[in-house]
Protein backbone atom coordinates (compact mmCIF):
# COMPACT_ATOMS: atom_id res chain seq x y z
CA MET A 1 0.00 0.00 0.00
CA LEU A 2 2.77 2.44 0.83
CA ALA A 3 4.52 1.68 -2.44
CA VAL A 4 1.35 2.49 -4.35
CA ASP A 5 0.15 5.52 -2.39
CA GLY A 6 3.54 7.01 -1.53
CA ASP A 7 2.55 7.91 2.04
CA TYR A 8 0.66 6.65 5.04
CA ALA A 9 -2.54 8.69 4.54
CA ARG A 10 -4.68 5.78 3.26
CA LEU A 11 -3.35 3.44 5.94
CA ASP A 12 -4.12 6.04 8.61
CA ARG A 13 -7.67 6.49 7.28
CA MET A 14 -8.25 2.73 7.31
CA LYS A 15 -6.93 2.46 10.88
CA SER A 16 -9.13 5.38 11.92
CA ALA A 17 -12.15 3.57 10.47
CA GLY A 18 -11.77 1.00 13.24
CA LEU A 19 -10.69 -1.98 11.15
CA ALA A 20 -9.10 -4.82 13.08
CA ALA A 21 -5.42 -5.22 12.28
CA VAL A 22 -5.91 -8.68 10.75
CA ASP A 23 -8.69 -7.36 8.50
CA LEU A 24 -6.64 -4.33 7.48
CA LEU A 25 -3.74 -6.59 6.57
CA LEU A 26 -6.04 -8.87 4.56
CA LEU A 27 -7.29 -5.90 2.53
CA MET A 28 -3.75 -4.70 1.94
CA ALA A 29 -2.50 -8.15 0.93
CA ALA A 30 -5.45 -8.71 -1.41
CA GLY A 31 -4.87 -5.34 -3.06
CA GLU A 32 -1.23 -6.28 -3.57
CA ASN A 33 -2.15 -9.80 -4.77
CA ASP A 34 0.08 -11.31 -2.09
CA ALA A 35 -1.24 -14.89 -1.88
CA PRO A 36 1.00 -16.06 1.00
CA LYS A 37 0.00 -13.04 3.13
CA VAL A 38 -3.69 -13.46 2.23
CA ALA A 39 -3.50 -17.10 3.31
CA GLU A 40 -1.77 -16.11 6.55
CA MET A 41 -4.44 -13.51 7.36
CA LEU A 42 -7.23 -15.98 6.60
CA ARG A 43 -5.63 -18.52 8.94
CA ALA A 44 -5.43 -15.75 11.56
CA GLY A 45 -9.19 -15.24 11.33
CA ALA A 46 -9.55 -12.24 9.02
CA ASP A 47 -13.09 -11.39 7.95
CA ILE A 48 -13.37 -11.79 4.15
CA GLY A 49 -16.47 -9.63 4.14
CA VAL A 50 -14.79 -6.57 5.66
CA LYS A 51 -14.74 -3.45 3.48
CA ASP A 52 -12.06 -0.83 3.06
CA ILE A 53 -12.71 2.92 3.33
CA GLU A 54 -13.91 2.92 -0.27
CA GLY A 55 -16.40 0.13 0.36
CA LYS A 56 -14.43 -2.61 -1.39
CA THR A 57 -13.91 -6.13 -0.07
CA ALA A 58 -10.69 -8.10 -0.41
CA THR A 59 -12.27 -10.02 -3.29
CA GLU A 60 -12.98 -6.78 -5.11
CA LEU A 61 -9.42 -5.54 -4.57
CA ALA A 62 -7.67 -8.71 -5.75
CA THR A 63 -6.94 -9.45 -9.40
CA ASN A 64 -4.71 -12.51 -9.08
CA GLU A 65 -6.50 -15.84 -9.58
CA GLN A 66 -4.60 -17.58 -6.75
CA VAL A 67 -5.60 -14.83 -4.31
CA LEU A 68 -9.19 -14.87 -5.55
CA GLU A 69 -9.34 -18.64 -5.07
CA LEU A 70 -8.20 -18.28 -1.45
CA LEU A 71 -10.82 -15.61 -0.86
CA ARG A 72 -13.57 -17.70 -2.46
CA ASP A 73 -12.62 -20.76 -0.42
CA PRO A 74 -10.79 -19.67 2.77
CA ALA A 75 -10.42 -23.32 3.88
CA LYS A 76 -7.70 -23.63 1.23
CA ALA A 77 -5.57 -21.22 3.26
CA ARG A 78 -4.90 -24.02 5.76
CA ALA A 79 -2.98 -26.00 3.15
CA PHE A 80 -1.30 -23.02 1.53
């Protein structure tokens, strides 16, 4: 997220919105198409239905098929 935005403003806004750390990290990982991190956050109990400050879910942020598959079937994160 920092690499894309160039500063911490978006991160600060998401934290201010009251998102749990695990959910915030899931959204960030999904937006960066980071399958290992998405799997880790799912195993840690992240809520796949949580929305970012723009109203998007992790599934809507992701574009990578492997990440989308994990989000569609979070049970697969256990074996990832």
